[in-house]
Amino acid sequence: MLNDIQRSEAKKAAEVMRKGGIILYPTDTIWGIGCDATNEEAVRRIYRLKERADSKSMLVLIDSEAKLQGLMDEVPELAWDLIELTTKPLTIIYPQAKGVAPALIASDGSLGIRLTREAFSAELCRLMRVPVVSTSANISGRPSARTFGEIAPAILDGVDYIVECRREEPAGQASSIIRLGTRGEVEVIRQ
């Protein structure tokens, strides 16, 4: 459950993203950089800020199963089971994605998607009504920040809005990552 300050911060962050801005925000795992996942220019700004190669994809957060269904023609049955049974944040890489900025879709057509159950990031996704980019708040190749205080000045200076919540809390753990293939194959990338 969100308090009034958190709800207000989610509204401010969503407003910035709706205008094409990028934000720094607490997620269900670690601090992340986010934007409207359907806005190609905002997505490209994150790539530049992170000094990330275009060939490396970023994941998106969603808050509902309905949004998941809108990102592909058919959600594999196994995905529903994984989502239902997981006890920690789980990113699933789906084989054939649509409905987001082209820069987010890997060369093989895949996209990492996480259905968040954490209150703040879920509220942010709900307010946006579109998927939200979620990528670690670090320069590519450098360690992820474990606390807000470890986030590099270049990242802090490069975003349009920094959410004023949970700055004193230690970050959670990175999500598990599972890749689903077009023929039902499963690959565990990170547990």
C-alpha atoms as a PDB file:
ATOM      1  CA  MET A   1       0.000   0.000   0.000  1.00  0.00           C
ATOM      2  CA  LEU A   2       1.315   3.422  -0.928  1.00  0.00           C
ATOM      3  CA  ASN A   3       1.277   6.423   1.378  1.00  0.00           C
ATOM      4  CA  ASP A   4       0.315   9.895   0.118  1.00  0.00           C
ATOM      5  CA  ILE A   5       3.929  10.923  -0.569  1.00  0.00           C
ATOM      6  CA  GLN A   6       4.588   7.791  -2.635  1.00  0.00           C
ATOM      7  CA  ARG A   7       1.350   8.256  -4.568  1.00  0.00           C
ATOM      8  CA  SER A   8       2.280  11.886  -5.286  1.00  0.00           C
ATOM      9  CA  GLU A   9       5.775  10.859  -6.414  1.00  0.00           C
ATOM     10  CA  ALA A  10       4.332   8.236  -8.762  1.00  0.00           C
ATOM     11  CA  LYS A  11       2.076  10.891 -10.317  1.00  0.00           C
ATOM     12  CA  LYS A  12       4.978  13.320 -10.796  1.00  0.00           C
ATOM     13  CA  ALA A  13       7.179  10.621 -12.339  1.00  0.00           C
ATOM     14  CA  ALA A  14       4.400   9.488 -14.684  1.00  0.00           C
ATOM     15  CA  GLU A  15       3.830  13.075 -15.812  1.00  0.00           C
ATOM     16  CA  VAL A  16       7.534  13.455 -16.662  1.00  0.00           C
ATOM     17  CA  MET A  17       7.510  10.200 -18.633  1.00  0.00           C
ATOM     18  CA  ARG A  18       4.336  11.150 -20.516  1.00  0.00           C
ATOM     19  CA  LYS A  19       6.215  14.253 -21.744  1.00  0.00           C
ATOM     20  CA  GLY A  20       9.105  12.116 -23.026  1.00  0.00           C
ATOM     21  CA  GLY A  21      11.307  12.411 -19.950  1.00  0.00           C
ATOM     22  CA  ILE A  22      13.387   9.787 -18.208  1.00  0.00           C
ATOM     23  CA  ILE A  23      13.275   9.104 -14.483  1.00  0.00           C
ATOM     24  CA  LEU A  24      15.282   7.465 -11.723  1.00  0.00           C
ATOM     25  CA  TYR A  25      13.023   5.362  -9.523  1.00  0.00           C
ATOM     26  CA  PRO A  26      12.886   2.510  -6.996  1.00  0.00           C
ATOM     27  CA  THR A  27      11.656  -0.722  -8.575  1.00  0.00           C
ATOM     28  CA  ASP A  28      10.739  -4.148  -7.286  1.00  0.00           C
ATOM     29  CA  THR A  29      14.454  -5.017  -7.439  1.00  0.00           C
ATOM     30  CA  ILE A  30      17.073  -2.236  -7.600  1.00  0.00           C
ATOM     31  CA  TRP A  31      17.005   1.475  -8.479  1.00  0.00           C
ATOM     32  CA  GLY A  32      16.175   1.840 -12.139  1.00  0.00           C
ATOM     33  CA  ILE A  33      16.118   4.300 -14.986  1.00  0.00           C
ATOM     34  CA  GLY A  34      12.757   4.421 -16.708  1.00  0.00           C
ATOM     35  CA  CYS A  35      10.710   5.995 -19.445  1.00  0.00           C
ATOM     36  CA  ASP A  36       7.610   5.392 -21.526  1.00  0.00           C
ATOM     37  CA  ALA A  37       8.507   2.157 -23.320  1.00  0.00           C
ATOM     38  CA  THR A  38       6.573   3.259 -26.405  1.00  0.00           C
ATOM     39  CA  ASN A  39       8.592   6.481 -26.821  1.00  0.00           C
ATOM     40  CA  GLU A  40      11.548   5.734 -29.108  1.00  0.00           C
ATOM     41  CA  GLU A  41      13.420   8.978 -28.370  1.00  0.00           C
ATOM     42  CA  ALA A  42      13.133   8.518 -24.594  1.00  0.00           C
ATOM     43  CA  VAL A  43      14.399   4.941 -24.951  1.00  0.00           C
ATOM     44  CA  ARG A  44      17.361   6.175 -27.019  1.00  0.00           C
ATOM     45  CA  ARG A  45      18.149   8.785 -24.339  1.00  0.00           C
ATOM     46  CA  ILE A  46      18.482   5.992 -21.785  1.00  0.00           C
ATOM     47  CA  TYR A  47      20.844   4.093 -24.091  1.00  0.00           C
ATOM     48  CA  ARG A  48      22.996   7.224 -24.412  1.00  0.00           C
ATOM     49  CA  LEU A  49      22.915   7.958 -20.676  1.00  0.00           C
ATOM     50  CA  LYS A  50      23.982   4.421 -19.792  1.00  0.00           C
ATOM     51  CA  GLU A  51      26.524   4.324 -22.640  1.00  0.00           C
ATOM     52  CA  ARG A  52      24.822   1.073 -23.564  1.00  0.00           C
ATOM     53  CA  ALA A  53      25.280  -0.677 -26.904  1.00  0.00           C
ATOM     54  CA  ASP A  54      22.141  -0.679 -29.059  1.00  0.00           C
ATOM     55  CA  SER A  55      22.496  -4.448 -29.343  1.00  0.00           C
ATOM     56  CA  LYS A  56      21.861  -4.869 -25.589  1.00  0.00           C
ATOM     57  CA  SER A  57      18.168  -4.820 -24.841  1.00  0.00           C
ATOM     58  CA  MET A  58      16.400  -3.390 -21.790  1.00  0.00           C
ATOM     59  CA  LEU A  59      13.364  -4.837 -20.074  1.00  0.00           C
ATOM     60  CA  VAL A  60       9.955  -3.332 -19.443  1.00  0.00           C
ATOM     61  CA  LEU A  61       7.740  -3.396 -16.365  1.00  0.00           C
ATOM     62  CA  ILE A  62       3.996  -3.899 -16.493  1.00  0.00           C
ATOM     63  CA  ASP A  63       1.385  -4.025 -13.766  1.00  0.00           C
ATOM     64  CA  SER A  64      -1.240  -6.350 -15.212  1.00  0.00           C
ATOM     65  CA  GLU A  65      -1.765  -9.539 -17.146  1.00  0.00           C
ATOM     66  CA  ALA A  66      -3.849  -7.566 -19.663  1.00  0.00           C
ATOM     67  CA  LYS A  67      -0.800  -5.443 -20.530  1.00  0.00           C
ATOM     68  CA  LEU A  68       1.247  -8.608 -20.988  1.00  0.00           C
ATOM     69  CA  GLN A  69      -1.280  -9.904 -23.501  1.00  0.00           C
ATOM     70  CA  GLY A  70      -0.980  -6.652 -25.445  1.00  0.00           C
ATOM     71  CA  LEU A  71       2.764  -7.120 -25.931  1.00  0.00           C
ATOM     72  CA  MET A  72       2.588 -10.316 -27.982  1.00  0.00           C
ATOM     73  CA  ASP A  73       0.177 -12.267 -30.133  1.00  0.00           C
ATOM     74  CA  GLU A  74      -0.026 -15.181 -27.705  1.00  0.00           C
ATOM     75  CA  VAL A  75       1.369 -15.510 -24.190  1.00  0.00           C
ATOM     76  CA  PRO A  76       2.872 -18.999 -23.758  1.00  0.00           C
ATOM     77  CA  GLU A  77       0.941 -21.099 -21.231  1.00  0.00           C
ATOM     78  CA  LEU A  78       4.169 -21.786 -19.350  1.00  0.00           C
ATOM     79  CA  ALA A  79       4.577 -18.048 -18.743  1.00  0.00           C
ATOM     80  CA  TRP A  80       1.303 -17.917 -16.808  1.00  0.00           C
ATOM     81  CA  ASP A  81       2.492 -20.787 -14.597  1.00  0.00           C
ATOM     82  CA  LEU A  82       5.852 -19.120 -13.965  1.00  0.00           C
ATOM     83  CA  ILE A  83       4.214 -15.797 -13.101  1.00  0.00           C
ATOM     84  CA  GLU A  84       1.780 -17.477 -10.719  1.00  0.00           C
ATOM     85  CA  LEU A  85       4.386 -19.613  -8.952  1.00  0.00           C
ATOM     86  CA  THR A  86       7.276 -17.171  -8.592  1.00  0.00           C
ATOM     87  CA  THR A  87       8.114 -15.918  -5.114  1.00  0.00           C
ATOM     88  CA  LYS A  88      10.559 -13.199  -6.242  1.00  0.00           C
ATOM     89  CA  PRO A  89      10.716 -10.739  -9.132  1.00  0.00           C
ATOM     90  CA  LEU A  90      10.892 -12.642 -12.414  1.00  0.00           C
ATOM     91  CA  THR A  91      11.806 -11.250 -15.820  1.00  0.00           C
ATOM     92  CA  ILE A  92      10.672 -13.439 -18.689  1.00  0.00           C
ATOM     93  CA  ILE A  93      12.181 -12.943 -22.124  1.00  0.00           C
ATOM     94  CA  TYR A  94       9.396 -13.595 -24.612  1.00  0.00           C
ATOM     95  CA  PRO A  95      10.214 -14.611 -28.188  1.00  0.00           C
ATOM     96  CA  GLN A  96       7.943 -12.359 -30.239  1.00  0.00           C
ATOM     97  CA  ALA A  97       7.180  -8.945 -28.807  1.00  0.00           C
ATOM     98  CA  LYS A  98       5.303  -5.927 -30.096  1.00  0.00           C
ATOM     99  CA  GLY A  99       3.822  -2.691 -28.815  1.00  0.00           C
ATOM    100  CA  VAL A 100       6.997  -1.000 -27.560  1.00  0.00           C
ATOM    101  CA  ALA A 101       9.673   1.227 -29.094  1.00  0.00           C
ATOM    102  CA  PRO A 102      11.635  -0.755 -31.711  1.00  0.00           C
ATOM    103  CA  ALA A 103      14.921  -0.079 -29.871  1.00  0.00           C
ATOM    104  CA  LEU A 104      13.691  -2.266 -26.997  1.00  0.00           C
ATOM    105  CA  ILE A 105      13.069  -5.328 -29.133  1.00  0.00           C
ATOM    106  CA  ALA A 106      16.154  -7.504 -29.599  1.00  0.00           C
ATOM    107  CA  SER A 107      17.334  -8.500 -33.067  1.00  0.00           C
ATOM    108  CA  ASP A 108      15.666 -11.905 -32.606  1.00  0.00           C
ATOM    109  CA  GLY A 109      12.327 -10.202 -31.837  1.00  0.00           C
ATOM    110  CA  SER A 110      12.435 -10.915 -28.107  1.00  0.00           C
ATOM    111  CA  LEU A 111      11.690  -8.629 -25.167  1.00  0.00           C
ATOM    112  CA  GLY A 112      12.234  -8.964 -21.419  1.00  0.00           C
ATOM    113  CA  ILE A 113       9.040  -8.253 -19.481  1.00  0.00           C
ATOM    114  CA  ARG A 114       8.448  -8.263 -15.728  1.00  0.00           C
ATOM    115  CA  LEU A 115       5.002  -8.161 -14.170  1.00  0.00           C
ATOM    116  CA  THR A 116       5.691  -6.168 -11.014  1.00  0.00           C
ATOM    117  CA  ARG A 117       3.776  -6.689  -7.809  1.00  0.00           C
ATOM    118  CA  GLU A 118       5.705  -4.055  -5.827  1.00  0.00           C
ATOM    119  CA  ALA A 119       3.379  -1.172  -4.933  1.00  0.00           C
ATOM    120  CA  PHE A 120       5.345   1.843  -6.229  1.00  0.00           C
ATOM    121  CA  SER A 121       6.448   0.475  -9.595  1.00  0.00           C
ATOM    122  CA  ALA A 122       3.010  -1.082 -10.146  1.00  0.00           C
ATOM    123  CA  GLU A 123       1.351   2.283  -9.487  1.00  0.00           C
ATOM    124  CA  LEU A 124       3.758   3.953 -11.904  1.00  0.00           C
ATOM    125  CA  CYS A 125       2.837   1.409 -14.604  1.00  0.00           C
ATOM    126  CA  ARG A 126      -0.868   1.802 -13.843  1.00  0.00           C
ATOM    127  CA  LEU A 127      -0.666   5.578 -14.189  1.00  0.00           C
ATOM    128  CA  MET A 128       1.300   5.317 -17.435  1.00  0.00           C
ATOM    129  CA  ARG A 129      -1.101   2.817 -19.046  1.00  0.00           C
ATOM    130  CA  VAL A 130       1.844   1.609 -21.153  1.00  0.00           C
ATOM    131  CA  PRO A 131       4.912  -0.475 -20.272  1.00  0.00           C
ATOM    132  CA  VAL A 132       7.704   1.345 -18.432  1.00  0.00           C
ATOM    133  CA  VAL A 133      11.384   0.764 -19.221  1.00  0.00           C
ATOM    134  CA  SER A 134      13.332  -0.592 -16.273  1.00  0.00           C
ATOM    135  CA  THR A 135      17.102  -0.772 -16.518  1.00  0.00           C
ATOM    136  CA  SER A 136      19.666  -0.638 -13.743  1.00  0.00           C
ATOM    137  CA  ALA A 137      20.806   2.825 -12.673  1.00  0.00           C
ATOM    138  CA  ASN A 138      24.425   2.461 -13.739  1.00  0.00           C
ATOM    139  CA  ILE A 139      26.734   3.053 -16.672  1.00  0.00           C
ATOM    140  CA  SER A 140      26.912  -0.132 -18.761  1.00  0.00           C
ATOM    141  CA  GLY A 141      29.639  -2.496 -17.647  1.00  0.00           C
ATOM    142  CA  ARG A 142      29.858  -1.015 -14.164  1.00  0.00           C
ATOM    143  CA  PRO A 143      28.338  -2.636 -11.056  1.00  0.00           C
ATOM    144  CA  SER A 144      24.697  -1.942 -10.240  1.00  0.00           C
ATOM    145  CA  ALA A 145      24.173   0.461  -7.355  1.00  0.00           C
ATOM    146  CA  ARG A 146      23.178  -1.385  -4.172  1.00  0.00           C
ATOM    147  CA  THR A 147      21.927   1.839  -2.583  1.00  0.00           C
ATOM    148  CA  PHE A 148      20.694   5.186  -3.849  1.00  0.00           C
ATOM    149  CA  GLY A 149      23.945   6.749  -2.606  1.00  0.00           C
ATOM    150  CA  GLU A 150      25.999   4.542  -4.945  1.00  0.00           C
ATOM    151  CA  ILE A 151      24.316   5.849  -8.102  1.00  0.00           C
ATOM    152  CA  ALA A 152      26.878   7.647 -10.278  1.00  0.00           C
ATOM    153  CA  PRO A 153      26.611  11.445 -10.583  1.00  0.00           C
ATOM    154  CA  ALA A 154      26.374  11.105 -14.385  1.00  0.00           C
ATOM    155  CA  ILE A 155      23.169   9.095 -13.955  1.00  0.00           C
ATOM    156  CA  LEU A 156      21.733  11.496 -11.359  1.00  0.00           C
ATOM    157  CA  ASP A 157      22.476  14.471 -13.622  1.00  0.00           C
ATOM    158  CA  GLY A 158      21.227  12.763 -16.773  1.00  0.00           C
ATOM    159  CA  VAL A 159      17.635  12.052 -15.781  1.00  0.00           C
ATOM    160  CA  ASP A 160      14.721  14.479 -15.813  1.00  0.00           C
ATOM    161  CA  TYR A 161      13.235  13.423 -12.481  1.00  0.00           C
ATOM    162  CA  ILE A 162      14.450  11.546  -9.401  1.00  0.00           C
ATOM    163  CA  VAL A 163      11.743   9.938  -7.296  1.00  0.00           C
ATOM    164  CA  GLU A 164      11.849  11.081  -3.659  1.00  0.00           C
ATOM    165  CA  CYS A 165      10.989   7.688  -2.118  1.00  0.00           C
ATOM    166  CA  ARG A 166      12.968   4.858  -0.527  1.00  0.00           C
ATOM    167  CA  ARG A 167      16.359   6.511  -0.868  1.00  0.00           C
ATOM    168  CA  GLU A 168      17.508   5.192   2.503  1.00  0.00           C
ATOM    169  CA  GLU A 169      16.488   1.589   1.850  1.00  0.00           C
ATOM    170  CA  PRO A 170      19.008  -0.929   0.543  1.00  0.00           C
ATOM    171  CA  ALA A 171      18.248  -2.216  -2.933  1.00  0.00           C
ATOM    172  CA  GLY A 172      16.659  -5.585  -3.408  1.00  0.00           C
ATOM    173  CA  GLN A 173      18.158  -8.333  -5.490  1.00  0.00           C
ATOM    174  CA  ALA A 174      18.149  -8.406  -9.250  1.00  0.00           C
ATOM    175  CA  SER A 175      15.324 -10.446 -10.740  1.00  0.00           C
ATOM    176  CA  SER A 176      15.516 -14.004 -11.954  1.00  0.00           C
ATOM    177  CA  ILE A 177      15.602 -14.137 -15.760  1.00  0.00           C
ATOM    178  CA  ILE A 178      14.102 -16.912 -17.867  1.00  0.00           C
ATOM    179  CA  ARG A 179      14.023 -17.021 -21.668  1.00  0.00           C
ATOM    180  CA  LEU A 180      11.112 -18.766 -23.378  1.00  0.00           C
ATOM    181  CA  GLY A 181      11.718 -20.069 -26.891  1.00  0.00           C
ATOM    182  CA  THR A 182       9.289 -20.214 -29.789  1.00  0.00           C
ATOM    183  CA  ARG A 183       8.964 -24.003 -29.430  1.00  0.00           C
ATOM    184  CA  GLY A 184       8.425 -24.045 -25.679  1.00  0.00           C
ATOM    185  CA  GLU A 185      12.082 -24.345 -24.692  1.00  0.00           C
ATOM    186  CA  VAL A 186      13.158 -22.708 -21.417  1.00  0.00           C
ATOM    187  CA  GLU A 187      16.556 -21.232 -20.583  1.00  0.00           C
ATOM    188  CA  VAL A 188      17.387 -19.986 -17.084  1.00  0.00           C
ATOM    189  CA  ILE A 189      19.665 -16.978 -17.540  1.00  0.00           C
ATOM    190  CA  ARG A 190      19.825 -15.816 -13.902  1.00  0.00           C
ATOM    191  CA  GLN A 191      18.346 -17.484 -10.835  1.00  0.00           C
END
